[in-house]
């Protein structure tokens, strides 16, 4: 009988997903994108008072983890949440945090 209903590979992916969301700057980016239809690096950097390079670094990590999608818009790249699961997880964690506070 399997006690844990997921494979080791799935658990590893889940852990990496949660690790990606655990950084405060990455979480701020995800929260910002959860309230928009997509933003470019400059808009994110300005909204969060971060440098362009710091935002780019975090966006690359989030994109590698498949938490974000990107599309070209002229010379800009627009970033958005990859899917509704990301939005749901962010909102669930906010609900939980607000219950504790």
PDB file of N, CA and C in Angstrom:
ATOM      1  N   UNK A   1       0.839  -1.187   0.000  1.00  0.00           N
ATOM      2  CA  UNK A   1       0.000   0.000   0.000  1.00  0.00           C
ATOM      3  C   UNK A   1       0.887   1.254   0.000  1.00  0.00           C
ATOM      4  N   UNK A   2       0.635   2.146  -0.949  1.00  0.00           N
ATOM      5  CA  UNK A   2       1.366   3.415  -1.001  1.00  0.00           C
ATOM      6  C   UNK A   2       0.750   4.395  -0.011  1.00  0.00           C
ATOM      7  N   UNK A   3       1.582   4.937   0.841  1.00  0.00           N
ATOM      8  CA  UNK A   3       1.101   5.902   1.831  1.00  0.00           C
ATOM      9  C   UNK A   3       0.949   7.279   1.196  1.00  0.00           C
ATOM     10  N   UNK A   4       1.879   7.626   0.312  1.00  0.00           N
ATOM     11  CA  UNK A   4       1.849   8.925  -0.365  1.00  0.00           C
ATOM     12  C   UNK A   4       1.349   8.691  -1.791  1.00  0.00           C
ATOM     13  N   UNK A   5       0.301   9.432  -2.185  1.00  0.00           N
ATOM     14  CA  UNK A   5      -0.326   9.152  -3.485  1.00  0.00           C
ATOM     15  C   UNK A   5       0.381   9.733  -4.711  1.00  0.00           C
ATOM     16  N   UNK A   6       1.628  10.165  -4.559  1.00  0.00           N
ATOM     17  CA  UNK A   6       2.356  10.756  -5.675  1.00  0.00           C
ATOM     18  C   UNK A   6       3.719  10.099  -5.815  1.00  0.00           C
ATOM     19  N   UNK A   7       4.222  10.108  -7.029  1.00  0.00           N
ATOM     20  CA  UNK A   7       5.553   9.548  -7.276  1.00  0.00           C
ATOM     21  C   UNK A   7       6.619  10.498  -6.740  1.00  0.00           C
ATOM     22  N   UNK A   8       7.814   9.978  -6.564  1.00  0.00           N
ATOM     23  CA  UNK A   8       8.934  10.815  -6.125  1.00  0.00           C
ATOM     24  C   UNK A   8       9.184  11.953  -7.104  1.00  0.00           C
ATOM     25  N   UNK A   9       9.020  11.677  -8.391  1.00  0.00           N
ATOM     26  CA  UNK A   9       9.215  12.719  -9.416  1.00  0.00           C
ATOM     27  C   UNK A   9       8.188  13.841  -9.243  1.00  0.00           C
ATOM     28  N   UNK A  10       6.936  13.480  -9.013  1.00  0.00           N
ATOM     29  CA  UNK A  10       5.891  14.489  -8.808  1.00  0.00           C
ATOM     30  C   UNK A  10       6.165  15.295  -7.547  1.00  0.00           C
ATOM     31  N   UNK A  11       6.588  14.632  -6.496  1.00  0.00           N
ATOM     32  CA  UNK A  11       6.900  15.328  -5.242  1.00  0.00           C
ATOM     33  C   UNK A  11       8.062  16.290  -5.437  1.00  0.00           C
ATOM     34  N   UNK A  12       9.049  15.897  -6.208  1.00  0.00           N
ATOM     35  CA  UNK A  12      10.193  16.777  -6.497  1.00  0.00           C
ATOM     36  C   UNK A  12       9.727  18.026  -7.247  1.00  0.00           C
ATOM     37  N   UNK A  13       8.851  17.858  -8.218  1.00  0.00           N
ATOM     38  CA  UNK A  13       8.316  18.998  -8.973  1.00  0.00           C
ATOM     39  C   UNK A  13       7.501  19.899  -8.048  1.00  0.00           C
ATOM     40  N   UNK A  14       6.693  19.300  -7.179  1.00  0.00           N
ATOM     41  CA  UNK A  14       5.908  20.078  -6.227  1.00  0.00           C
ATOM     42  C   UNK A  14       6.808  20.897  -5.304  1.00  0.00           C
ATOM     43  N   UNK A  15       7.883  20.286  -4.821  1.00  0.00           N
ATOM     44  CA  UNK A  15       8.812  20.980  -3.930  1.00  0.00           C
ATOM     45  C   UNK A  15       9.488  22.151  -4.649  1.00  0.00           C
ATOM     46  N   UNK A  16       9.894  21.940  -5.893  1.00  0.00           N
ATOM     47  CA  UNK A  16      10.516  23.020  -6.671  1.00  0.00           C
ATOM     48  C   UNK A  16       9.517  24.153  -6.905  1.00  0.00           C
ATOM     49  N   UNK A  17       8.277  23.811  -7.159  1.00  0.00           N
ATOM     50  CA  UNK A  17       7.204  24.792  -7.364  1.00  0.00           C
ATOM     51  C   UNK A  17       7.043  25.650  -6.108  1.00  0.00           C
ATOM     52  N   UNK A  18       6.943  24.996  -4.962  1.00  0.00           N
ATOM     53  CA  UNK A  18       6.775  25.731  -3.706  1.00  0.00           C
ATOM     54  C   UNK A  18       8.012  26.550  -3.375  1.00  0.00           C
ATOM     55  N   UNK A  19       9.192  26.026  -3.685  1.00  0.00           N
ATOM     56  CA  UNK A  19      10.433  26.767  -3.463  1.00  0.00           C
ATOM     57  C   UNK A  19      10.456  28.027  -4.333  1.00  0.00           C
ATOM     58  N   UNK A  20      10.000  27.906  -5.559  1.00  0.00           N
ATOM     59  CA  UNK A  20       9.977  29.067  -6.461  1.00  0.00           C
ATOM     60  C   UNK A  20       9.072  30.160  -5.922  1.00  0.00           C
ATOM     61  N   UNK A  21       7.976  29.762  -5.294  1.00  0.00           N
ATOM     62  CA  UNK A  21       7.027  30.738  -4.764  1.00  0.00           C
ATOM     63  C   UNK A  21       7.437  31.262  -3.384  1.00  0.00           C
ATOM     64  N   UNK A  22       8.461  30.670  -2.773  1.00  0.00           N
ATOM     65  CA  UNK A  22       8.816  31.032  -1.403  1.00  0.00           C
ATOM     66  C   UNK A  22       9.648  32.305  -1.284  1.00  0.00           C
ATOM     67  N   UNK A  23      10.232  32.759  -2.362  1.00  0.00           N
ATOM     68  CA  UNK A  23      11.035  33.975  -2.321  1.00  0.00           C
ATOM     69  C   UNK A  23      10.112  35.195  -2.325  1.00  0.00           C
ATOM     70  N   UNK A  24      10.275  36.127  -1.366  1.00  0.00           N
ATOM     71  CA  UNK A  24       9.379  37.289  -1.297  1.00  0.00           C
ATOM     72  C   UNK A  24       9.319  38.113  -2.588  1.00  0.00           C
ATOM     73  N   UNK A  25      10.444  38.309  -3.269  1.00  0.00           N
ATOM     74  CA  UNK A  25      10.414  39.088  -4.513  1.00  0.00           C
ATOM     75  C   UNK A  25       9.658  38.354  -5.614  1.00  0.00           C
ATOM     76  N   UNK A  26       9.865  37.047  -5.719  1.00  0.00           N
ATOM     77  CA  UNK A  26       9.120  36.284  -6.719  1.00  0.00           C
ATOM     78  C   UNK A  26       7.635  36.270  -6.391  1.00  0.00           C
ATOM     79  N   UNK A  27       7.307  36.158  -5.112  1.00  0.00           N
ATOM     80  CA  UNK A  27       5.905  36.172  -4.714  1.00  0.00           C
ATOM     81  C   UNK A  27       5.263  37.520  -5.027  1.00  0.00           C
ATOM     82  N   UNK A  28       5.995  38.605  -4.801  1.00  0.00           N
ATOM     83  CA  UNK A  28       5.476  39.936  -5.145  1.00  0.00           C
ATOM     84  C   UNK A  28       5.203  40.029  -6.645  1.00  0.00           C
ATOM     85  N   UNK A  29       6.105  39.506  -7.444  1.00  0.00           N
ATOM     86  CA  UNK A  29       5.907  39.522  -8.898  1.00  0.00           C
ATOM     87  C   UNK A  29       4.665  38.720  -9.260  1.00  0.00           C
ATOM     88  N   UNK A  30       4.520  37.536  -8.679  1.00  0.00           N
ATOM     89  CA  UNK A  30       3.343  36.709  -8.960  1.00  0.00           C
ATOM     90  C   UNK A  30       2.057  37.405  -8.517  1.00  0.00           C
ATOM     91  N   UNK A  31       2.087  38.041  -7.349  1.00  0.00           N
ATOM     92  CA  UNK A  31       0.913  38.776  -6.870  1.00  0.00           C
ATOM     93  C   UNK A  31       0.565  39.922  -7.811  1.00  0.00           C
ATOM     94  N   UNK A  32       1.582  40.658  -8.249  1.00  0.00           N
ATOM     95  CA  UNK A  32       1.352  41.765  -9.180  1.00  0.00           C
ATOM     96  C   UNK A  32       0.754  41.250 -10.485  1.00  0.00           C
ATOM     97  N   UNK A  33       1.312  40.170 -11.001  1.00  0.00           N
ATOM     98  CA  UNK A  33       0.803  39.622 -12.261  1.00  0.00           C
ATOM     99  C   UNK A  33      -0.585  39.010 -12.097  1.00  0.00           C
ATOM    100  N   UNK A  34      -0.919  38.598 -10.885  1.00  0.00           N
ATOM    101  CA  UNK A  34      -2.247  38.015 -10.664  1.00  0.00           C
ATOM    102  C   UNK A  34      -3.345  39.064 -10.745  1.00  0.00           C
ATOM    103  N   UNK A  35      -2.960  40.338 -10.671  1.00  0.00           N
ATOM    104  CA  UNK A  35      -3.948  41.422 -10.729  1.00  0.00           C
ATOM    105  C   UNK A  35      -3.895  42.179 -12.053  1.00  0.00           C
ATOM    106  N   UNK A  36      -3.185  41.614 -13.021  1.00  0.00           N
ATOM    107  CA  UNK A  36      -3.057  42.299 -14.316  1.00  0.00           C
ATOM    108  C   UNK A  36      -3.295  41.316 -15.464  1.00  0.00           C
ATOM    109  N   UNK A  37      -3.364  41.863 -16.640  1.00  0.00           N
ATOM    110  CA  UNK A  37      -3.478  41.040 -17.851  1.00  0.00           C
ATOM    111  C   UNK A  37      -2.120  40.788 -18.470  1.00  0.00           C
ATOM    112  N   UNK A  38      -1.070  41.105 -17.744  1.00  0.00           N
ATOM    113  CA  UNK A  38       0.289  40.936 -18.235  1.00  0.00           C
ATOM    114  C   UNK A  38       1.050  42.238 -18.159  1.00  0.00           C
ATOM    115  N   UNK A  39       2.326  42.138 -17.813  1.00  0.00           N
ATOM    116  CA  UNK A  39       3.167  43.322 -17.679  1.00  0.00           C
ATOM    117  C   UNK A  39       4.551  43.030 -18.231  1.00  0.00           C
ATOM    118  N   UNK A  40       5.237  44.099 -18.645  1.00  0.00           N
ATOM    119  CA  UNK A  40       6.622  43.940 -19.089  1.00  0.00           C
ATOM    120  C   UNK A  40       7.570  44.168 -17.915  1.00  0.00           C
ATOM    121  N   UNK A  41       8.842  43.918 -18.119  1.00  0.00           N
ATOM    122  CA  UNK A  41       9.848  44.017 -17.065  1.00  0.00           C
ATOM    123  C   UNK A  41       9.885  45.418 -16.472  1.00  0.00           C
ATOM    124  N   UNK A  42       9.827  46.430 -17.314  1.00  0.00           N
ATOM    125  CA  UNK A  42       9.912  47.809 -16.827  1.00  0.00           C
ATOM    126  C   UNK A  42       8.750  48.132 -15.900  1.00  0.00           C
ATOM    127  N   UNK A  43       7.539  47.731 -16.282  1.00  0.00           N
ATOM    128  CA  UNK A  43       6.359  47.991 -15.448  1.00  0.00           C
ATOM    129  C   UNK A  43       6.456  47.271 -14.115  1.00  0.00           C
ATOM    130  N   UNK A  44       6.931  46.036 -14.143  1.00  0.00           N
ATOM    131  CA  UNK A  44       7.080  45.263 -12.906  1.00  0.00           C
ATOM    132  C   UNK A  44       8.129  45.916 -12.012  1.00  0.00           C
ATOM    133  N   UNK A  45       9.269  46.287 -12.592  1.00  0.00           N
ATOM    134  CA  UNK A  45      10.349  46.909 -11.824  1.00  0.00           C
ATOM    135  C   UNK A  45       9.878  48.203 -11.168  1.00  0.00           C
ATOM    136  N   UNK A  46       9.158  49.027 -11.911  1.00  0.00           N
ATOM    137  CA  UNK A  46       8.657  50.287 -11.359  1.00  0.00           C
ATOM    138  C   UNK A  46       7.647  50.040 -10.248  1.00  0.00           C
ATOM    139  N   UNK A  47       6.724  49.113 -10.473  1.00  0.00           N
ATOM    140  CA  UNK A  47       5.671  48.844  -9.481  1.00  0.00           C
ATOM    141  C   UNK A  47       6.243  48.304  -8.175  1.00  0.00           C
ATOM    142  N   UNK A  48       7.311  47.532  -8.268  1.00  0.00           N
ATOM    143  CA  UNK A  48       7.879  46.893  -7.086  1.00  0.00           C
ATOM    144  C   UNK A  48       9.140  47.572  -6.571  1.00  0.00           C
ATOM    145  N   UNK A  49       9.514  48.674  -7.211  1.00  0.00           N
ATOM    146  CA  UNK A  49      10.713  49.416  -6.828  1.00  0.00           C
ATOM    147  C   UNK A  49      11.947  48.505  -6.812  1.00  0.00           C
ATOM    148  N   UNK A  50      12.085  47.747  -7.895  1.00  0.00           N
ATOM    149  CA  UNK A  50      13.221  46.842  -8.065  1.00  0.00           C
ATOM    150  C   UNK A  50      13.973  47.245  -9.322  1.00  0.00           C
ATOM    151  N   UNK A  51      15.202  46.795  -9.434  1.00  0.00           N
ATOM    152  CA  UNK A  51      15.959  47.075 -10.649  1.00  0.00           C
ATOM    153  C   UNK A  51      15.483  46.171 -11.781  1.00  0.00           C
ATOM    154  N   UNK A  52      15.705  46.634 -12.983  1.00  0.00           N
ATOM    155  CA  UNK A  52      15.349  45.873 -14.178  1.00  0.00           C
ATOM    156  C   UNK A  52      16.024  44.508 -14.159  1.00  0.00           C
ATOM    157  N   UNK A  53      17.318  44.488 -13.806  1.00  0.00           N
ATOM    158  CA  UNK A  53      18.052  43.221 -13.824  1.00  0.00           C
ATOM    159  C   UNK A  53      17.553  42.265 -12.744  1.00  0.00           C
ATOM    160  N   UNK A  54      17.187  42.780 -11.570  1.00  0.00           N
ATOM    161  CA  UNK A  54      16.665  41.919 -10.498  1.00  0.00           C
ATOM    162  C   UNK A  54      15.332  41.299 -10.921  1.00  0.00           C
ATOM    163  N   UNK A  55      14.484  42.093 -11.539  1.00  0.00           N
ATOM    164  CA  UNK A  55      13.193  41.581 -12.010  1.00  0.00           C
ATOM    165  C   UNK A  55      13.416  40.552 -13.115  1.00  0.00           C
ATOM    166  N   UNK A  56      14.293  40.838 -14.043  1.00  0.00           N
ATOM    167  CA  UNK A  56      14.571  39.892 -15.138  1.00  0.00           C
ATOM    168  C   UNK A  56      15.063  38.557 -14.591  1.00  0.00           C
ATOM    169  N   UNK A  57      15.934  38.609 -13.609  1.00  0.00           N
ATOM    170  CA  UNK A  57      16.455  37.386 -13.000  1.00  0.00           C
ATOM    171  C   UNK A  57      15.319  36.563 -12.389  1.00  0.00           C
ATOM    172  N   UNK A  58      14.434  37.220 -11.645  1.00  0.00           N
ATOM    173  CA  UNK A  58      13.321  36.514 -11.005  1.00  0.00           C
ATOM    174  C   UNK A  58      12.324  35.996 -12.050  1.00  0.00           C
ATOM    175  N   UNK A  59      12.065  36.775 -13.073  1.00  0.00           N
ATOM    176  CA  UNK A  59      11.146  36.339 -14.133  1.00  0.00           C
ATOM    177  C   UNK A  59      11.683  35.099 -14.842  1.00  0.00           C
ATOM    178  N   UNK A  60      12.985  35.069 -15.089  1.00  0.00           N
ATOM    179  CA  UNK A  60      13.581  33.897 -15.741  1.00  0.00           C
ATOM    180  C   UNK A  60      13.403  32.649 -14.888  1.00  0.00           C
ATOM    181  N   UNK A  61      13.591  32.801 -13.592  1.00  0.00           N
ATOM    182  CA  UNK A  61      13.420  31.656 -12.700  1.00  0.00           C
ATOM    183  C   UNK A  61      11.968  31.192 -12.695  1.00  0.00           C
ATOM    184  N   UNK A  62      11.035  32.131 -12.589  1.00  0.00           N
ATOM    185  CA  UNK A  62       9.611  31.786 -12.583  1.00  0.00           C
ATOM    186  C   UNK A  62       9.181  31.158 -13.906  1.00  0.00           C
ATOM    187  N   UNK A  63       9.757  31.629 -14.983  1.00  0.00           N
ATOM    188  CA  UNK A  63       9.429  31.066 -16.295  1.00  0.00           C
ATOM    189  C   UNK A  63       9.992  29.649 -16.427  1.00  0.00           C
ATOM    190  N   UNK A  64      11.208  29.418 -15.941  1.00  0.00           N
ATOM    191  CA  UNK A  64      11.788  28.068 -15.963  1.00  0.00           C
ATOM    192  C   UNK A  64      10.927  27.085 -15.171  1.00  0.00           C
ATOM    193  N   UNK A  65      10.313  27.570 -14.112  1.00  0.00           N
ATOM    194  CA  UNK A  65       9.452  26.719 -13.290  1.00  0.00           C
ATOM    195  C   UNK A  65       8.037  26.614 -13.866  1.00  0.00           C
ATOM    196  N   UNK A  66       7.829  27.225 -15.012  1.00  0.00           N
ATOM    197  CA  UNK A  66       6.537  27.213 -15.716  1.00  0.00           C
ATOM    198  C   UNK A  66       5.413  27.864 -14.916  1.00  0.00           C
ATOM    199  N   UNK A  67       5.765  28.887 -14.129  1.00  0.00           N
ATOM    200  CA  UNK A  67       4.762  29.655 -13.406  1.00  0.00           C
ATOM    201  C   UNK A  67       4.294  30.852 -14.216  1.00  0.00           C
ATOM    202  N   UNK A  68       5.086  31.220 -15.226  1.00  0.00           N
ATOM    203  CA  UNK A  68       4.774  32.363 -16.081  1.00  0.00           C
ATOM    204  C   UNK A  68       4.807  31.967 -17.545  1.00  0.00           C
ATOM    205  N   UNK A  69       4.081  32.734 -18.321  1.00  0.00           N
ATOM    206  CA  UNK A  69       4.211  32.657 -19.772  1.00  0.00           C
ATOM    207  C   UNK A  69       4.667  34.031 -20.248  1.00  0.00           C
ATOM    208  N   UNK A  70       5.200  34.078 -21.438  1.00  0.00           N
ATOM    209  CA  UNK A  70       5.622  35.359 -21.995  1.00  0.00           C
ATOM    210  C   UNK A  70       5.274  35.401 -23.472  1.00  0.00           C
ATOM    211  N   UNK A  71       5.040  36.633 -23.935  1.00  0.00           N
ATOM    212  CA  UNK A  71       4.788  36.825 -25.362  1.00  0.00           C
ATOM    213  C   UNK A  71       5.375  38.162 -25.772  1.00  0.00           C
ATOM    214  N   UNK A  72       5.848  38.193 -26.998  1.00  0.00           N
ATOM    215  CA  UNK A  72       6.431  39.419 -27.547  1.00  0.00           C
ATOM    216  C   UNK A  72       5.326  40.396 -27.902  1.00  0.00           C
ATOM    217  N   UNK A  73       5.561  41.665 -27.585  1.00  0.00           N
ATOM    218  CA  UNK A  73       4.670  42.754 -27.964  1.00  0.00           C
ATOM    219  C   UNK A  73       5.559  43.881 -28.465  1.00  0.00           C
ATOM    220  N   UNK A  74       5.858  43.839 -29.754  1.00  0.00           N
ATOM    221  CA  UNK A  74       6.830  44.782 -30.306  1.00  0.00           C
ATOM    222  C   UNK A  74       8.204  44.452 -29.758  1.00  0.00           C
ATOM    223  N   UNK A  75       8.841  45.435 -29.116  1.00  0.00           N
ATOM    224  CA  UNK A  75      10.156  45.205 -28.524  1.00  0.00           C
ATOM    225  C   UNK A  75      10.065  44.696 -27.086  1.00  0.00           C
ATOM    226  N   UNK A  76       8.887  44.731 -26.511  1.00  0.00           N
ATOM    227  CA  UNK A  76       8.697  44.288 -25.127  1.00  0.00           C
ATOM    228  C   UNK A  76       8.279  42.828 -25.061  1.00  0.00           C
ATOM    229  N   UNK A  77       8.507  42.252 -23.905  1.00  0.00           N
ATOM    230  CA  UNK A  77       8.007  40.913 -23.590  1.00  0.00           C
ATOM    231  C   UNK A  77       7.010  41.089 -22.454  1.00  0.00           C
ATOM    232  N   UNK A  78       5.814  40.551 -22.646  1.00  0.00           N
ATOM    233  CA  UNK A  78       4.755  40.657 -21.649  1.00  0.00           C
ATOM    234  C   UNK A  78       4.668  39.337 -20.885  1.00  0.00           C
ATOM    235  N   UNK A  79       4.711  39.439 -19.567  1.00  0.00           N
ATOM    236  CA  UNK A  79       4.662  38.256 -18.700  1.00  0.00           C
ATOM    237  C   UNK A  79       3.293  38.157 -18.041  1.00  0.00           C
ATOM    238  N   UNK A  80       2.793  36.932 -17.919  1.00  0.00           N
ATOM    239  CA  UNK A  80       1.523  36.655 -17.251  1.00  0.00           C
ATOM    240  C   UNK A  80       1.652  35.349 -16.485  1.00  0.00           C
ATOM    241  N   UNK A  81       0.702  35.130 -15.562  1.00  0.00           N
ATOM    242  CA  UNK A  81       0.666  33.853 -14.865  1.00  0.00           C
ATOM    243  C   UNK A  81       0.393  32.748 -15.869  1.00  0.00           C
ATOM    244  N   UNK A  82       1.000  31.604 -15.655  1.00  0.00           N
ATOM    245  CA  UNK A  82       0.896  30.500 -16.606  1.00  0.00           C
ATOM    246  C   UNK A  82      -0.518  29.942 -16.696  1.00  0.00           C
ATOM    247  N   UNK A  83      -1.212  29.876 -15.563  1.00  0.00           N
ATOM    248  CA  UNK A  83      -2.570  29.323 -15.597  1.00  0.00           C
ATOM    249  C   UNK A  83      -3.314  29.681 -14.322  1.00  0.00           C
ATOM    250  N   UNK A  84      -4.560  29.285 -14.255  1.00  0.00           N
ATOM    251  CA  UNK A  84      -5.409  29.618 -13.112  1.00  0.00           C
ATOM    252  C   UNK A  84      -4.970  28.920 -11.830  1.00  0.00           C
ATOM    253  N   UNK A  85      -4.231  27.809 -11.948  1.00  0.00           N
ATOM    254  CA  UNK A  85      -3.752  27.133 -10.739  1.00  0.00           C
ATOM    255  C   UNK A  85      -2.851  28.053  -9.927  1.00  0.00           C
ATOM    256  N   UNK A  86      -2.002  28.792 -10.611  1.00  0.00           N
ATOM    257  CA  UNK A  86      -1.079  29.699  -9.932  1.00  0.00           C
ATOM    258  C   UNK A  86      -1.879  30.753  -9.168  1.00  0.00           C
ATOM    259  N   UNK A  87      -2.865  31.319  -9.848  1.00  0.00           N
ATOM    260  CA  UNK A  87      -3.736  32.333  -9.234  1.00  0.00           C
ATOM    261  C   UNK A  87      -4.434  31.753  -8.003  1.00  0.00           C
ATOM    262  N   UNK A  88      -4.951  30.553  -8.107  1.00  0.00           N
ATOM    263  CA  UNK A  88      -5.661  29.912  -6.991  1.00  0.00           C
ATOM    264  C   UNK A  88      -4.743  29.676  -5.803  1.00  0.00           C
ATOM    265  N   UNK A  89      -3.537  29.235  -6.065  1.00  0.00           N
ATOM    266  CA  UNK A  89      -2.580  28.964  -4.986  1.00  0.00           C
ATOM    267  C   UNK A  89      -2.178  30.260  -4.292  1.00  0.00           C
ATOM    268  N   UNK A  90      -1.963  31.310  -5.059  1.00  0.00           N
ATOM    269  CA  UNK A  90      -1.611  32.607  -4.478  1.00  0.00           C
ATOM    270  C   UNK A  90      -2.744  33.096  -3.590  1.00  0.00           C
ATOM    271  N   UNK A  91      -3.971  33.014  -4.082  1.00  0.00           N
ATOM    272  CA  UNK A  91      -5.111  33.479  -3.290  1.00  0.00           C
ATOM    273  C   UNK A  91      -5.329  32.615  -2.051  1.00  0.00           C
ATOM    274  N   UNK A  92      -5.156  31.309  -2.170  1.00  0.00           N
ATOM    275  CA  UNK A  92      -5.320  30.427  -1.014  1.00  0.00           C
ATOM    276  C   UNK A  92      -4.274  30.738   0.047  1.00  0.00           C
ATOM    277  N   UNK A  93      -3.033  31.007  -0.371  1.00  0.00           N
ATOM    278  CA  UNK A  93      -1.997  31.316   0.610  1.00  0.00           C
ATOM    279  C   UNK A  93      -2.253  32.681   1.251  1.00  0.00           C
ATOM    280  N   UNK A  94      -2.794  33.631   0.494  1.00  0.00           N
ATOM    281  CA  UNK A  94      -3.149  34.931   1.068  1.00  0.00           C
ATOM    282  C   UNK A  94      -4.281  34.767   2.075  1.00  0.00           C
ATOM    283  N   UNK A  95      -5.287  33.979   1.741  1.00  0.00           N
ATOM    284  CA  UNK A  95      -6.388  33.715   2.679  1.00  0.00           C
ATOM    285  C   UNK A  95      -5.855  33.116   3.981  1.00  0.00           C
ATOM    286  N   UNK A  96      -4.959  32.161   3.842  1.00  0.00           N
ATOM    287  CA  UNK A  96      -4.369  31.525   5.020  1.00  0.00           C
ATOM    288  C   UNK A  96      -3.567  32.530   5.843  1.00  0.00           C
ATOM    289  N   UNK A  97      -2.769  33.348   5.186  1.00  0.00           N
ATOM    290  CA  UNK A  97      -1.949  34.343   5.894  1.00  0.00           C
ATOM    291  C   UNK A  97      -2.846  35.349   6.633  1.00  0.00           C
ATOM    292  N   UNK A  98      -3.944  35.746   6.003  1.00  0.00           N
ATOM    293  CA  UNK A  98      -4.840  36.713   6.637  1.00  0.00           C
ATOM    294  C   UNK A  98      -5.553  36.124   7.856  1.00  0.00           C
ATOM    295  N   UNK A  99      -5.763  34.816   7.864  1.00  0.00           N
ATOM    296  CA  UNK A  99      -6.366  34.166   9.025  1.00  0.00           C
ATOM    297  C   UNK A  99      -5.419  34.173  10.215  1.00  0.00           C
ATOM    298  N   UNK A 100      -4.129  34.114   9.946  1.00  0.00           N
ATOM    299  CA  UNK A 100      -3.120  34.063  10.998  1.00  0.00           C
ATOM    300  C   UNK A 100      -2.872  35.428  11.610  1.00  0.00           C
ATOM    301  N   UNK A 101      -2.916  36.449  10.769  1.00  0.00           N
ATOM    302  CA  UNK A 101      -2.571  37.817  11.206  1.00  0.00           C
ATOM    303  C   UNK A 101      -3.593  38.367  12.180  1.00  0.00           C
TER     304      UNK A 101
END
